[in-house]
Amino acid sequence: MKFVRLLPLAVMAALSSGSAALAQDPGAPGNLSIEINDLTPSDKGCKLTFVAANELPQSLSKVSFEFVLFDAKGLVERMAVLDFRDLPAGKTKVRQFDLPGTKCDAVKSLLINDTPVCTGDGVAKDACMKALKTGSKSPVELKG
């Protein structure tokens, strides 16, 4: 019988702590998620497919990322600035980039080194790097 009494209290406590956590977060900045989804050979070299989700409160009118590509030995294969264009607030977009002269099997990991461009109304210059969250659905690791 005590178990029956405690269960509703435990559920109420869990619900109230969850709503308290939500109440503390209104207006808190979200993440800018960049995921490497796939790498496929192309006529030019290697096509990288990214999924980008802007969970920030503001839309980004233009954002670009400086990527560093590493080979199996951990050596820099190349650096490239990729223009993700606009990323509206609360939206997810897929972006693809061909890297001429790059073989997909040579790319073992990626690093987002910087965000040379991160603009939008009310967006601080460093907001994109501060909010950056990376992930990978491919065998290639992505770090930020």
Protein backbone atom coordinates (compact mmCIF):
# COMPACT_ATOMS: atom_id res chain seq x y z
CA MET A 1 0.00 0.00 0.00
CA LYS A 2 2.88 2.37 0.70
CA PHE A 3 4.15 1.64 -2.79
CA VAL A 4 0.88 2.88 -4.28
CA ARG A 5 1.10 6.10 -2.29
CA LEU A 6 4.76 6.70 -3.18
CA LEU A 7 4.32 6.05 -6.87
CA PRO A 8 2.02 9.04 -7.47
CA LEU A 9 4.34 11.21 -5.36
CA ALA A 10 7.34 10.03 -7.37
CA VAL A 11 5.52 10.73 -10.62
CA MET A 12 4.44 14.17 -9.40
CA ALA A 13 7.99 14.94 -8.28
CA ALA A 14 9.39 13.88 -11.66
CA LEU A 15 6.82 15.96 -13.52
CA SER A 16 7.34 19.02 -11.36
CA SER A 17 11.14 18.79 -11.64
CA GLY A 18 10.80 18.52 -15.42
CA SER A 19 8.51 21.54 -15.60
CA ALA A 20 10.83 23.42 -13.23
CA ALA A 21 13.71 22.69 -15.59
CA LEU A 22 11.64 23.96 -18.50
CA ALA A 23 10.67 27.05 -16.56
CA GLN A 24 14.35 27.88 -16.06
CA ASP A 25 15.16 27.63 -19.76
CA PRO A 26 12.83 30.02 -21.63
CA GLY A 27 14.83 32.16 -23.96
CA ALA A 28 17.98 30.12 -23.29
CA PRO A 29 19.96 29.73 -26.50
CA GLY A 30 19.69 26.36 -28.22
CA ASN A 31 22.16 24.40 -30.26
CA LEU A 32 23.39 24.70 -33.78
CA SER A 33 23.65 21.03 -34.73
CA ILE A 34 25.83 19.92 -37.62
CA GLU A 35 25.87 16.22 -38.49
CA ILE A 36 27.93 14.49 -41.17
CA ASN A 37 25.36 12.16 -42.68
CA ASP A 38 27.19 10.60 -45.62
CA LEU A 39 30.28 10.71 -47.80
CA THR A 40 29.97 9.41 -51.36
CA PRO A 41 32.38 9.40 -54.28
CA SER A 42 31.41 11.86 -57.02
CA ASP A 43 32.69 12.77 -60.48
CA LYS A 44 34.64 15.64 -58.90
CA GLY A 45 35.98 13.85 -55.82
CA CYS A 46 33.99 13.34 -52.62
CA LYS A 47 30.47 14.57 -51.87
CA LEU A 48 29.81 15.36 -48.20
CA THR A 49 26.20 15.40 -47.00
CA PHE A 50 25.41 17.33 -43.80
CA VAL A 51 22.23 17.74 -41.78
CA ALA A 52 22.13 21.17 -40.11
CA ALA A 53 19.55 22.07 -37.46
CA ASN A 54 19.26 25.62 -36.16
CA GLU A 55 17.78 25.44 -32.66
CA LEU A 56 18.92 28.99 -31.86
CA PRO A 57 16.21 31.58 -31.18
CA GLN A 58 17.37 33.61 -34.21
CA SER A 59 17.57 32.75 -37.88
CA LEU A 60 20.99 32.75 -39.48
CA SER A 61 21.03 34.69 -42.73
CA LYS A 62 24.46 33.27 -43.61
CA VAL A 63 26.76 30.79 -41.91
CA SER A 64 29.93 29.10 -43.07
CA PHE A 65 32.21 26.62 -41.35
CA GLU A 66 35.94 26.04 -41.73
CA PHE A 67 36.41 22.27 -41.92
CA VAL A 68 39.67 20.40 -41.45
CA LEU A 69 39.77 16.93 -43.01
CA PHE A 70 42.12 14.37 -41.43
CA ASP A 71 43.41 11.13 -42.97
CA ALA A 72 43.88 7.74 -41.27
CA LYS A 73 47.24 8.86 -39.80
CA GLY A 74 45.67 11.96 -38.24
CA LEU A 75 47.38 14.24 -40.76
CA VAL A 76 45.56 17.20 -42.27
CA GLU A 77 44.36 16.16 -45.72
CA ARG A 78 42.93 19.59 -46.50
CA MET A 79 41.04 22.59 -45.14
CA ALA A 80 37.90 24.01 -46.70
CA VAL A 81 35.34 26.70 -45.89
CA LEU A 82 31.84 25.42 -46.64
CA ASP A 83 28.98 27.90 -47.03
CA PHE A 84 25.81 26.54 -45.41
CA ARG A 85 23.92 29.66 -46.61
CA ASP A 86 20.85 30.51 -44.52
CA LEU A 87 19.57 28.42 -41.61
CA PRO A 88 16.18 29.61 -40.36
CA ALA A 89 15.46 29.29 -36.62
CA GLY A 90 13.78 26.02 -35.73
CA LYS A 91 14.51 24.44 -39.12
CA THR A 92 16.61 21.53 -40.32
CA LYS A 93 18.29 21.58 -43.72
CA VAL A 94 20.42 19.18 -45.73
CA ARG A 95 23.50 20.62 -47.42
CA GLN A 96 25.82 18.85 -49.86
CA PHE A 97 29.33 19.83 -50.90
CA ASP A 98 31.64 18.35 -53.52
CA LEU A 99 35.31 18.43 -52.59
CA PRO A 100 37.28 18.18 -55.85
CA GLY A 101 40.34 15.95 -55.72
CA THR A 102 39.41 14.41 -52.36
CA LYS A 103 38.92 10.65 -52.08
CA CYS A 104 36.18 9.76 -49.59
CA ASP A 105 38.06 6.75 -48.23
CA ALA A 106 40.97 9.05 -47.32
CA VAL A 107 38.77 11.13 -44.97
CA LYS A 108 38.74 9.59 -41.48
CA SER A 109 37.65 12.55 -39.35
CA LEU A 110 36.48 16.15 -39.67
CA LEU A 111 36.97 19.11 -37.37
CA ILE A 112 34.98 22.32 -37.47
CA ASN A 113 37.82 24.73 -36.81
CA ASP A 114 35.87 27.99 -36.94
CA THR A 115 32.81 29.79 -38.24
CA PRO A 116 34.19 32.59 -40.44
CA VAL A 117 30.63 33.81 -41.12
CA CYS A 118 27.77 33.70 -38.60
CA THR A 119 25.24 36.44 -39.29
CA GLY A 120 21.60 37.18 -38.61
CA ASP A 121 19.47 39.75 -36.78
CA GLY A 122 20.59 39.83 -33.15
CA VAL A 123 23.21 37.09 -33.66
CA ALA A 124 26.57 37.60 -31.95
CA LYS A 125 29.63 36.88 -34.11
CA ASP A 126 30.69 33.97 -31.88
CA ALA A 127 27.18 32.50 -31.42
CA CYS A 128 27.63 29.72 -33.98
CA MET A 129 30.80 28.29 -32.42
CA LYS A 130 29.43 28.63 -28.89
CA ALA A 131 26.20 26.81 -29.77
CA LEU A 132 27.84 24.20 -32.01
CA LYS A 133 26.91 20.56 -31.44
CA THR A 134 28.39 17.96 -33.78
CA GLY A 135 27.48 14.41 -34.66
CA SER A 136 27.95 11.71 -37.27
CA LYS A 137 25.80 9.06 -38.90
CA SER A 138 28.76 8.02 -41.07
CA PRO A 139 31.97 6.19 -40.18
CA VAL A 140 33.70 9.61 -40.22
CA GLU A 141 33.93 11.36 -36.86
CA LEU A 142 32.93 15.04 -36.70
CA LYS A 143 34.26 17.26 -33.90
CA GLY A 144 33.65 20.88 -33.14
